[in-house]
Amino acid sequence: MTLARDPSVRVRFAPSPTGYLHIGGARTALYNYLYAKATGGTFVLRIEDTDLERSNAEYEKLQIDDLRWLGISHDEGPDRPNPKYGPYRQSERTEIYQRYARDLVSKGLAYYDFCTEEELEAMKEKAAAEGRDPVYEGRWKEPSSQAEAQERISRGEKAAIRFRAPKKSYTLDDRVKGRVVYPENMVGDFVIVRSNGLPVYNFCCVVDDHLMEITHVIRGEDHLNNTVRQLMIYEALGARLPEFAHVSLLIGHDRQKLSKRHGATSVNLYRNEHYLPEAMCNYLCLLGWSHPSERDIFEKQDIVDVFSLDRFSASAAMYDLEKLKWVNSEHIKNMPTPDLITLVEREPETGFFQRQTPEWKHACIELLKKYVQFTTDFPRLVNELILNEHPEKSEALQEILSWESTPKIFDFISGAVASVSTEFVSEVELNGWTEHVKKTLGIKGKPLFQGVRAALTGHDHGPDLKFLIPLTPVSVLKNRIQHLTK
C-alpha cells in the first residue's frame, strides 16, 4: 500500500560526531530517509554535539560522507540550512536551550540546584542502603528555596537546572512497540542543564524536535527508556507530541546487543571491505522491516512506494554477516555488466583485465559474477581460473589423471593447443576438440568431460568450458598443459 503524500512530514537523524557511523545509526538514518521519501516529507540531519570532549568535526564529516556513500541524502542540515529551523548543530543552539530552561524555572516546572557532587553521591548511597532507586532529595526542589536560588544566580553563581518530574504515569502509543506505560515515580527530578551551562540530551532532543517541527521520531529501541523524560518535557513546553517508532535492537548470534565483538560495526569498515552501498542498504532495511511481497533483494528506490511504519517487527533483529555477504553477491549478479566492469577495473591487479577487448571483459564478467561475493573476487578468479599456469594437482585431479583414457586426451589436446595461431581459442575450435575425443578417440561420458576439463584447466570442476576456455590465453593453456604432464 502506497502512503499518502504528506509534505508536512518531517523526520530527523541526529548522530553524535564521536566516532564513525555505526551500523545501527545507518539503519536509523535509512528508515527516516525512506519514510520521508515515501510521504514526500523532509529528512533532517541534526548533529548532536553537546558532548564537547568527545565530539569531533572530522567525525561529523566522515559520518555525512558514509551516509552519502549509502545514497542517504538529507534535505536539511548544517550544509543545507532552512533559516526557519537552524542552526542544525546543538553546539550552536546553547542559548536556545538555556532560554527554554529559564522559562521552565519561571513557571515552577524546573528549578536551580546548587547541590555539590558529594551531596548527590550521599543521596545515591542512602537510596542504595534502603534498597530503592536513587531520586533527588535535595532541598532546592522545595518552593521555599527558590528565592535564595534566584538571589545566588543573580550574584553570578553557577547551578544546574533540574526538571521537576510530575507525580503521574505516562503512556506512549508507539508505532512499533505498541502501548508502553511508564509508571508514576519511574524517574525522579532530573537535570536538563548542567552547572557549566551545557544542556543534556533529553532536553536538547525535545526542544529541537519541537522547534524543528519533527512529526515522526524513528529511532532505536534503546531510546525507549529516555522517552518518559521526553514526554514530561513535551508536556511542560506545551509542545505537540510527534509519533514515535522505536525500531528493534540489532543483536549478534549470542543474542546480545551488537558490538565490536561481533565483528565490524561501522559503515566505514564495510565500505573499505568493498561491500556495495545498495547491498548494505538492502540488508539494513531487512533488519527489523519486511517487504510486503516478502522480497529479500531490492533497491532503495524500489521500496519507497511500499515503505511504511506498519511493516516493522517488534522483535530483536539478528545481524548475520553471512546473510549480508549473500545480499551483496545478489546485487552483483543483478548489476548491469558495464557498471561491474567499471568497478572491477578500479581494483588493484587488474592489468590483464584492463588490456582486453570490451567483448572479452563483458564475457568474463558474465561468466564469473555468479561465483563472487565482492567485486574484489573478480581479479582473484581471473588469476585462479584464467591465468593460472600451475594449478595445484589436487586428489580429485590426480584421480582423473590416473584414468586410462586421460593420457590420450592430454596428447590430443596438447597438440591441438600447440597448433592454434590466435591469442584465444574459439568456442568452435573447443567444440571440435571435444567431438574429436568423443568420435575419433572413442571416449565418452564422464571420462570425456572430466578428461578434457582436466587437460585445459587443471581442475575437476568449474565454470562451463565453452565460456571459460575462449577467455584463456593460448599461451597460458600451453604452459598449463606442460605443467600438468610433468
Protein backbone atom coordinates (compact mmCIF):
# COMPACT_ATOMS: atom_id res chain seq x y z
CA MET A 1 0.00 0.00 0.00
CA THR A 2 1.41 3.36 -1.05
CA LEU A 3 1.48 6.00 1.69
CA ALA A 4 -0.48 9.18 1.12
CA ARG A 5 1.73 12.11 0.18
CA ASP A 6 2.12 14.45 3.12
CA PRO A 7 4.70 17.24 2.69
CA SER A 8 4.19 18.23 6.34
CA VAL A 9 6.01 15.07 7.48
CA ARG A 10 9.37 15.92 9.00
CA VAL A 11 11.75 13.25 10.27
CA ARG A 12 15.31 13.51 11.51
CA PHE A 13 18.51 11.58 12.02
CA ALA A 14 20.58 13.01 14.87
CA PRO A 15 24.01 11.36 15.22
CA SER A 16 26.68 12.32 17.72
CA PRO A 17 30.03 13.00 16.00
CA THR A 18 32.04 10.95 18.47
CA GLY A 19 33.13 8.18 16.11
CA TYR A 20 32.45 6.53 12.79
CA LEU A 21 28.87 5.97 11.62
CA HIS A 22 27.58 2.83 13.37
CA ILE A 23 25.60 0.17 11.52
CA GLY A 24 22.67 0.79 13.84
CA GLY A 25 22.81 4.52 13.15
CA ALA A 26 22.92 3.89 9.41
CA ARG A 27 19.79 1.74 9.70
CA THR A 28 18.01 4.51 11.64
CA ALA A 29 19.03 7.07 9.02
CA LEU A 30 17.82 4.76 6.25
CA TYR A 31 14.39 4.27 7.82
CA ASN A 32 13.94 8.02 8.28
CA TYR A 33 15.12 8.69 4.73
CA LEU A 34 12.72 6.09 3.28
CA TYR A 35 9.77 7.41 5.28
CA ALA A 36 10.46 10.95 4.11
CA LYS A 37 10.64 9.75 0.50
CA ALA A 38 7.52 7.62 0.86
CA THR A 39 5.45 10.52 2.21
CA GLY A 40 7.03 13.35 0.25
CA GLY A 41 8.22 14.81 3.54
CA THR A 42 11.52 16.28 4.72
CA PHE A 43 14.55 14.39 6.05
CA VAL A 44 16.55 16.49 8.53
CA LEU A 45 20.13 15.85 9.61
CA ARG A 46 20.84 17.28 13.07
CA ILE A 47 24.23 16.98 14.77
CA GLU A 48 24.04 16.25 18.50
CA ASP A 49 27.47 17.50 19.54
CA THR A 50 26.87 18.75 23.06
CA ASP A 51 29.48 16.26 24.34
CA LEU A 52 32.29 18.73 23.70
CA GLU A 53 35.07 16.45 24.93
CA ARG A 54 34.25 13.59 22.56
CA SER A 55 32.67 15.40 19.60
CA ASN A 56 34.89 15.96 16.60
CA ALA A 57 34.18 17.90 13.42
CA GLU A 58 36.15 15.31 11.44
CA TYR A 59 33.77 12.56 12.59
CA GLU A 60 30.83 14.71 11.53
CA LYS A 61 32.33 14.96 8.05
CA LEU A 62 33.07 11.22 7.89
CA GLN A 63 29.57 10.29 9.03
CA ILE A 64 27.96 12.50 6.40
CA ASP A 65 30.31 11.06 3.80
CA ASP A 66 29.31 7.50 4.74
CA LEU A 67 25.62 8.45 4.53
CA ARG A 68 26.18 9.84 1.06
CA TRP A 69 28.02 6.66 0.07
CA LEU A 70 24.91 4.76 1.12
CA GLY A 71 22.81 7.07 -1.03
CA ILE A 72 21.12 8.63 2.03
CA SER A 73 20.98 12.37 1.40
CA HIS A 74 19.33 14.86 3.72
CA ASP A 75 17.01 17.70 2.74
CA GLU A 76 18.05 19.96 5.62
CA GLY A 77 21.18 20.02 7.74
CA PRO A 78 24.29 22.02 8.58
CA ASP A 79 25.21 22.25 4.89
CA ARG A 80 21.60 22.70 3.72
CA PRO A 81 20.06 25.06 6.27
CA ASN A 82 16.49 26.28 6.38
CA PRO A 83 16.56 29.65 8.19
CA LYS A 84 13.28 28.77 9.90
CA TYR A 85 14.75 25.75 11.69
CA GLY A 86 18.52 26.14 12.00
CA PRO A 87 21.14 26.02 13.24
CA TYR A 88 21.49 22.23 12.97
CA ARG A 89 24.38 21.64 15.37
CA GLN A 90 23.36 21.51 19.00
CA SER A 91 26.60 23.21 20.00
CA GLU A 92 25.31 26.27 18.12
CA ARG A 93 21.92 26.22 19.90
CA THR A 94 23.02 26.54 23.54
CA GLU A 95 21.31 29.89 24.09
CA ILE A 96 18.04 28.44 22.80
CA TYR A 97 18.17 25.62 25.35
CA GLN A 98 19.10 27.94 28.19
CA ARG A 99 16.23 30.27 27.31
CA TYR A 100 13.71 27.43 27.35
CA ALA A 101 15.16 26.10 30.63
CA ARG A 102 14.90 29.51 32.30
CA ASP A 103 11.30 29.73 31.15
CA LEU A 104 10.54 26.39 32.82
CA VAL A 105 12.14 27.70 36.01
CA SER A 106 9.98 30.81 35.90
CA LYS A 107 6.88 28.59 35.66
CA GLY A 108 7.96 26.40 38.57
CA LEU A 109 8.40 23.40 36.28
CA ALA A 110 12.16 23.34 36.88
CA TYR A 111 14.48 24.75 39.50
CA TYR A 112 18.10 25.71 40.12
CA ASP A 113 20.07 23.09 42.00
CA PHE A 114 23.24 24.04 43.91
CA CYS A 115 23.90 20.57 45.34
CA THR A 116 27.53 19.50 45.27
CA GLU A 117 28.76 16.23 43.83
CA GLU A 118 29.32 15.00 47.38
CA GLU A 119 25.72 15.72 48.35
CA LEU A 120 24.38 13.97 45.26
CA GLU A 121 26.58 10.95 45.93
CA ALA A 122 25.31 10.78 49.50
CA MET A 123 21.72 10.67 48.20
CA LYS A 124 22.62 7.73 45.94
CA GLU A 125 24.30 5.85 48.78
CA LYS A 126 21.33 6.42 51.08
CA ALA A 127 18.89 5.13 48.45
CA ALA A 128 21.07 2.07 47.80
CA ALA A 129 21.25 1.30 51.51
CA GLU A 130 17.45 1.46 51.70
CA GLY A 131 17.05 -0.74 48.63
CA ARG A 132 15.35 1.82 46.39
CA ASP A 133 16.13 3.68 43.20
CA PRO A 134 18.01 6.93 43.70
CA VAL A 135 15.89 10.07 43.42
CA TYR A 136 16.79 13.69 44.04
CA GLU A 137 16.03 14.70 47.62
CA GLY A 138 17.94 17.93 47.84
CA ARG A 139 16.43 20.99 49.47
CA TRP A 140 16.47 23.01 46.26
CA LYS A 141 13.34 21.30 44.96
CA GLU A 142 11.32 22.95 47.72
CA PRO A 143 9.46 26.11 46.66
CA SER A 144 10.75 27.81 49.77
CA SER A 145 14.30 27.58 48.43
CA GLN A 146 13.64 29.40 45.17
CA ALA A 147 14.09 32.92 46.49
CA GLU A 148 17.55 32.02 47.77
CA ALA A 149 18.32 30.26 44.48
CA GLN A 150 17.38 33.33 42.44
CA GLU A 151 19.49 35.53 44.66
CA ARG A 152 22.54 33.30 44.23
CA ILE A 153 22.02 33.19 40.45
CA SER A 154 21.78 36.99 40.37
CA ARG A 155 25.19 37.10 42.09
CA GLY A 156 26.65 35.09 39.23
CA GLU A 157 26.83 31.70 40.94
CA LYS A 158 26.55 28.61 38.76
CA ALA A 159 23.88 25.97 39.23
CA ALA A 160 22.37 23.08 37.37
CA ILE A 161 18.74 23.33 36.28
CA ARG A 162 16.70 20.31 37.34
CA PHE A 163 13.32 19.41 35.84
CA ARG A 164 10.50 18.79 38.31
CA ALA A 165 9.18 15.34 37.35
CA PRO A 166 5.36 15.19 37.63
CA LYS A 167 3.94 12.59 40.01
CA LYS A 168 1.93 10.65 37.46
CA SER A 169 2.20 7.85 34.94
CA TYR A 170 2.68 8.36 31.20
CA THR A 171 1.53 6.30 28.22
CA LEU A 172 3.16 6.12 24.80
CA ASP A 173 1.42 4.61 21.78
CA ASP A 174 4.46 3.54 19.81
CA ARG A 175 4.17 2.56 16.14
CA VAL A 176 6.42 -0.47 16.67
CA LYS A 177 6.21 -1.42 20.35
CA GLY A 178 2.52 -0.68 20.81
CA ARG A 179 1.29 0.80 24.08
CA VAL A 180 4.10 1.49 26.55
CA VAL A 181 3.19 2.51 30.10
CA TYR A 182 5.64 4.42 32.28
CA PRO A 183 4.52 4.14 35.92
CA GLU A 184 4.46 7.01 38.37
CA ASN A 185 7.77 7.67 40.12
CA MET A 186 9.73 5.82 37.42
CA VAL A 187 12.14 8.76 37.38
CA GLY A 188 12.87 11.49 39.85
CA ASP A 189 13.71 15.13 39.15
CA PHE A 190 16.43 15.18 36.51
CA VAL A 191 18.98 17.68 35.25
CA ILE A 192 18.22 19.43 31.97
CA VAL A 193 21.09 21.97 32.06
CA ARG A 194 24.40 21.25 33.76
CA SER A 195 26.04 23.75 36.10
CA ASN A 196 28.52 24.62 33.30
CA GLY A 197 25.59 25.82 31.17
CA LEU A 198 25.55 22.85 28.80
CA PRO A 199 22.18 21.15 28.25
CA VAL A 200 21.65 17.37 28.49
CA TYR A 201 20.49 15.07 25.72
CA ASN A 202 16.84 14.56 26.67
CA PHE A 203 16.20 18.29 26.95
CA CYS A 204 18.01 19.24 23.75
CA CYS A 205 16.26 16.49 21.87
CA VAL A 206 12.76 17.68 22.79
CA VAL A 207 13.47 21.37 22.27
CA ASP A 208 14.99 20.64 18.86
CA ASP A 209 12.22 18.31 17.74
CA HIS A 210 9.65 20.89 18.87
CA LEU A 211 11.28 23.85 17.14
CA MET A 212 12.16 21.88 14.01
CA GLU A 213 8.54 20.65 13.83
CA ILE A 214 9.54 16.98 13.72
CA THR A 215 6.37 14.94 13.17
CA HIS A 216 7.77 11.38 13.45
CA VAL A 217 10.64 10.12 15.60
CA ILE A 218 12.02 6.87 14.19
CA ARG A 219 14.90 5.61 16.31
CA GLY A 220 16.35 2.58 18.09
CA GLU A 221 14.62 0.72 20.91
CA ASP A 222 17.49 1.65 23.23
CA HIS A 223 15.94 5.15 23.40
CA LEU A 224 12.67 3.82 24.82
CA ASN A 225 13.73 4.41 28.45
CA ASN A 226 14.63 8.01 27.62
CA THR A 227 11.19 8.64 26.27
CA VAL A 228 9.41 9.07 29.60
CA ARG A 229 11.62 12.07 30.41
CA GLN A 230 10.98 13.44 26.96
CA LEU A 231 7.21 13.03 27.32
CA MET A 232 7.42 15.09 30.52
CA ILE A 233 9.33 17.84 28.75
CA TYR A 234 6.96 17.90 25.76
CA GLU A 235 4.11 18.33 28.20
CA ALA A 236 5.88 21.11 30.12
CA LEU A 237 6.63 23.00 26.91
CA GLY A 238 3.05 22.62 25.69
CA ALA A 239 4.54 21.09 22.54
CA ARG A 240 2.79 18.75 20.12
CA LEU A 241 3.93 15.17 20.58
CA PRO A 242 5.39 13.54 17.47
CA GLU A 243 4.59 9.96 16.54
CA PHE A 244 7.21 7.56 17.87
CA ALA A 245 8.51 4.38 16.26
CA HIS A 246 11.19 2.61 18.31
CA VAL A 247 12.71 0.00 15.99
CA SER A 248 14.13 -3.26 17.29
CA LEU A 249 17.64 -3.74 18.62
CA LEU A 250 20.37 -5.27 16.50
CA ILE A 251 21.82 -8.37 18.14
CA GLY A 252 24.59 -10.85 17.38
CA HIS A 253 24.39 -14.63 17.30
CA ASP A 254 24.76 -14.68 21.10
CA ARG A 255 21.51 -12.67 21.37
CA GLN A 256 23.46 -9.74 22.86
CA LYS A 257 23.35 -6.17 21.59
CA LEU A 258 25.52 -5.76 18.51
CA SER A 259 29.04 -4.65 19.43
CA LYS A 260 32.60 -4.87 18.17
CA ARG A 261 32.94 -8.41 19.48
CA HIS A 262 30.51 -9.48 16.73
CA GLY A 263 32.75 -8.03 14.01
CA ALA A 264 32.84 -4.73 12.15
CA THR A 265 30.15 -2.33 13.36
CA SER A 266 30.96 0.87 11.43
CA VAL A 267 29.80 1.62 7.91
CA ASN A 268 33.27 2.83 7.04
CA LEU A 269 34.78 -0.62 7.59
CA TYR A 270 32.24 -2.29 5.30
CA ARG A 271 32.86 0.40 2.74
CA ASN A 272 36.59 -0.37 2.87
CA GLU A 273 35.82 -4.09 2.52
CA HIS A 274 34.15 -3.39 -0.83
CA TYR A 275 30.53 -4.02 0.05
CA LEU A 276 28.14 -2.36 -2.40
CA PRO A 277 26.21 0.56 -0.87
CA GLU A 278 22.91 -0.70 -2.30
CA ALA A 279 23.54 -4.12 -0.78
CA MET A 280 24.24 -2.53 2.61
CA CYS A 281 21.01 -0.52 2.44
CA ASN A 282 19.07 -3.59 1.31
CA TYR A 283 20.33 -5.69 4.22
CA LEU A 284 20.00 -2.95 6.85
CA CYS A 285 16.41 -2.34 5.76
CA LEU A 286 15.57 -6.01 6.38
CA LEU A 287 16.85 -5.82 9.96
CA GLY A 288 13.51 -5.05 11.55
CA TRP A 289 11.36 -4.34 8.47
CA SER A 290 9.83 -6.72 5.95
CA HIS A 291 8.85 -6.21 2.31
CA PRO A 292 5.09 -6.62 1.65
CA SER A 293 5.97 -9.17 -1.06
CA GLU A 294 8.46 -10.93 1.22
CA ARG A 295 11.30 -9.99 -1.14
CA ASP A 296 14.85 -10.15 0.17
CA ILE A 297 16.61 -8.33 -2.67
CA PHE A 298 15.65 -4.83 -3.74
CA GLU A 299 16.98 -1.34 -4.44
CA LYS A 300 16.15 1.67 -2.24
CA GLN A 301 14.13 3.34 -4.95
CA ASP A 302 12.10 0.15 -5.45
CA ILE A 303 10.67 0.18 -1.92
CA VAL A 304 9.80 3.85 -1.48
CA ASP A 305 6.24 3.16 -2.67
CA VAL A 306 5.78 0.24 -0.25
CA PHE A 307 7.67 1.54 2.79
CA SER A 308 5.57 2.25 5.87
CA LEU A 309 5.84 2.12 9.64
CA ASP A 310 3.41 -0.82 9.71
CA ARG A 311 5.96 -3.35 8.44
CA PHE A 312 8.31 -3.16 11.43
CA SER A 313 8.87 -6.11 13.74
CA ALA A 314 9.00 -5.58 17.50
CA SER A 315 11.45 -8.48 17.89
CA ALA A 316 15.20 -8.00 18.01
CA ALA A 317 16.92 -8.31 14.60
CA MET A 318 19.77 -10.80 14.22
CA TYR A 319 22.79 -9.32 12.44
CA ASP A 320 24.08 -12.10 10.19
CA LEU A 321 27.29 -11.35 8.31
CA GLU A 322 26.81 -14.35 6.01
CA LYS A 323 23.38 -13.07 5.01
CA LEU A 324 24.92 -9.67 4.28
CA LYS A 325 27.54 -11.32 2.05
CA TRP A 326 24.80 -13.19 0.23
CA VAL A 327 22.83 -9.98 -0.31
CA ASN A 328 25.99 -8.36 -1.67
CA SER A 329 26.52 -11.25 -4.09
CA GLU A 330 22.92 -10.98 -5.31
CA HIS A 331 23.36 -7.27 -6.01
CA ILE A 332 26.49 -8.07 -8.00
CA LYS A 333 24.54 -10.60 -10.07
CA ASN A 334 21.82 -8.02 -10.73
CA MET A 335 24.18 -5.16 -11.57
CA PRO A 336 24.44 -4.16 -15.24
CA THR A 337 27.62 -5.65 -16.70
CA PRO A 338 29.07 -2.30 -17.88
CA ASP A 339 28.78 -0.97 -14.31
CA LEU A 340 30.51 -4.08 -12.96
CA ILE A 341 33.32 -3.71 -15.48
CA THR A 342 33.90 -0.16 -14.24
CA LEU A 343 34.07 -1.33 -10.62
CA VAL A 344 36.39 -4.24 -11.41
CA GLU A 345 38.80 -2.02 -13.32
CA ARG A 346 39.21 0.10 -10.19
CA GLU A 347 40.55 -2.87 -8.27
CA PRO A 348 44.30 -3.49 -7.99
CA GLU A 349 45.95 -6.28 -10.01
CA THR A 350 43.58 -5.96 -12.95
CA GLY A 351 46.16 -5.06 -15.58
CA PHE A 352 45.42 -8.12 -17.71
CA PHE A 353 41.68 -7.46 -17.47
CA GLN A 354 42.09 -3.82 -18.45
CA ARG A 355 44.09 -4.71 -21.57
CA GLN A 356 41.37 -6.94 -23.04
CA THR A 357 38.68 -6.02 -25.53
CA PRO A 358 35.24 -4.83 -24.39
CA GLU A 359 33.79 -8.10 -25.67
CA TRP A 360 36.26 -10.14 -23.59
CA LYS A 361 35.54 -8.09 -20.46
CA HIS A 362 31.81 -8.49 -20.92
CA ALA A 363 32.07 -12.25 -21.37
CA CYS A 364 34.41 -12.55 -18.38
CA ILE A 365 32.12 -10.64 -16.04
CA GLU A 366 29.07 -12.57 -17.22
CA LEU A 367 30.86 -15.85 -16.56
CA LEU A 368 32.34 -15.06 -13.15
CA LYS A 369 29.69 -12.93 -11.45
CA LYS A 370 27.77 -15.98 -10.26
CA TYR A 371 30.83 -17.07 -8.26
CA VAL A 372 31.64 -13.84 -6.40
CA GLN A 373 30.53 -12.12 -3.21
CA PHE A 374 32.60 -8.96 -3.70
CA THR A 375 33.97 -7.10 -6.68
CA THR A 376 37.45 -7.86 -5.35
CA ASP A 377 36.75 -11.53 -6.11
CA PHE A 378 36.88 -10.87 -9.85
CA PRO A 379 40.66 -10.27 -10.10
CA ARG A 380 41.27 -13.28 -7.86
CA LEU A 381 39.11 -15.54 -10.00
CA VAL A 382 40.73 -14.27 -13.20
CA ASN A 383 44.11 -15.22 -11.75
CA GLU A 384 42.90 -18.58 -10.43
CA LEU A 385 40.70 -19.77 -13.29
CA ILE A 386 42.05 -17.98 -16.37
CA LEU A 387 45.70 -17.04 -15.86
CA ASN A 388 46.95 -19.79 -13.54
CA GLU A 389 49.62 -21.77 -15.39
CA HIS A 390 50.49 -24.03 -12.45
CA PRO A 391 47.26 -25.35 -10.91
CA GLU A 392 47.67 -27.49 -7.82
CA LYS A 393 47.34 -31.21 -8.52
CA SER A 394 44.51 -32.00 -6.12
CA GLU A 395 43.46 -35.51 -5.16
CA ALA A 396 40.45 -35.24 -7.46
CA LEU A 397 42.72 -34.20 -10.35
CA GLN A 398 45.19 -36.98 -9.59
CA GLU A 399 42.36 -39.48 -9.87
CA ILE A 400 41.37 -38.16 -13.29
CA LEU A 401 44.99 -38.29 -14.44
CA SER A 402 45.11 -41.95 -13.40
CA TRP A 403 42.31 -42.99 -15.73
CA GLU A 404 43.38 -44.99 -18.79
CA SER A 405 41.66 -42.57 -21.16
CA THR A 406 43.18 -39.36 -19.78
CA PRO A 407 46.71 -39.59 -21.34
CA LYS A 408 45.09 -39.96 -24.79
CA ILE A 409 43.07 -36.82 -24.20
CA PHE A 410 46.16 -34.94 -22.98
CA ASP A 411 48.17 -35.98 -26.05
CA PHE A 412 45.46 -34.77 -28.40
CA ILE A 413 44.64 -31.53 -26.54
CA SER A 414 48.34 -30.66 -26.24
CA GLY A 415 48.82 -30.93 -29.99
CA ALA A 416 45.59 -29.09 -30.73
CA VAL A 417 46.51 -26.17 -28.49
CA ALA A 418 50.03 -26.03 -29.94
CA SER A 419 48.57 -25.62 -33.42
CA VAL A 420 46.43 -22.60 -32.51
CA SER A 421 47.88 -19.42 -34.01
CA THR A 422 45.48 -16.92 -32.44
CA GLU A 423 45.65 -15.42 -28.93
CA PHE A 424 42.49 -17.22 -27.80
CA VAL A 425 40.73 -20.47 -28.64
CA SER A 426 37.30 -20.05 -30.23
CA GLU A 427 34.24 -21.88 -28.98
CA VAL A 428 34.03 -23.56 -32.39
CA GLU A 429 37.56 -24.94 -32.00
CA LEU A 430 36.81 -26.16 -28.49
CA ASN A 431 33.67 -27.97 -29.70
CA GLY A 432 35.71 -29.56 -32.46
CA TRP A 433 38.26 -30.88 -29.96
CA THR A 434 35.53 -32.39 -27.80
CA GLU A 435 33.93 -34.04 -30.82
CA HIS A 436 37.29 -35.49 -31.87
CA VAL A 437 37.86 -37.01 -28.42
CA LYS A 438 34.36 -38.45 -28.48
CA LYS A 439 34.21 -39.82 -32.04
CA THR A 440 37.82 -40.47 -33.02
CA LEU A 441 39.26 -41.49 -29.65
CA GLY A 442 36.01 -43.16 -28.60
CA ILE A 443 35.96 -41.63 -25.14
CA LYS A 444 32.52 -40.72 -23.81
CA GLY A 445 30.64 -39.68 -20.69
CA LYS A 446 32.47 -38.76 -17.53
CA PRO A 447 35.96 -39.73 -18.82
CA LEU A 448 35.39 -37.41 -21.80
CA PHE A 449 34.17 -34.32 -19.99
CA GLN A 450 36.38 -34.69 -16.90
CA GLY A 451 39.43 -35.52 -19.02
CA VAL A 452 39.03 -32.52 -21.32
CA ARG A 453 38.42 -30.24 -18.33
CA ALA A 454 41.50 -31.60 -16.55
CA ALA A 455 43.69 -31.06 -19.62
CA LEU A 456 42.54 -27.49 -20.23
CA THR A 457 42.04 -26.18 -16.67
CA GLY A 458 43.88 -28.46 -14.23
CA HIS A 459 40.67 -28.78 -12.21
CA ASP A 460 37.96 -31.41 -11.81
CA HIS A 461 35.13 -28.85 -11.76
CA GLY A 462 34.46 -25.20 -12.53
CA PRO A 463 32.72 -22.88 -14.98
CA ASP A 464 31.39 -24.16 -18.29
CA LEU A 465 34.35 -24.78 -20.61
CA LYS A 466 32.63 -23.23 -23.63
CA PHE A 467 32.69 -19.88 -21.77
CA LEU A 468 35.93 -20.27 -19.79
CA ILE A 469 38.39 -21.53 -22.39
CA PRO A 470 37.72 -18.78 -25.02
CA LEU A 471 38.73 -16.31 -22.26
CA THR A 472 42.01 -18.09 -21.52
CA PRO A 473 45.13 -17.05 -23.49
CA VAL A 474 46.57 -19.87 -25.61
CA SER A 475 49.99 -19.22 -24.04
CA VAL A 476 48.52 -20.00 -20.63
CA LEU A 477 46.91 -23.19 -21.93
CA LYS A 478 50.25 -24.37 -23.36
CA ASN A 479 52.17 -23.75 -20.13
CA ARG A 480 49.36 -25.25 -18.04
CA ILE A 481 49.31 -28.49 -20.06
CA GLN A 482 53.10 -28.71 -19.86
CA HIS A 483 52.92 -28.32 -16.06
CA LEU A 484 50.22 -30.98 -15.73
CA THR A 485 52.12 -33.57 -17.79
CA LYS A 486 55.35 -33.30 -15.82
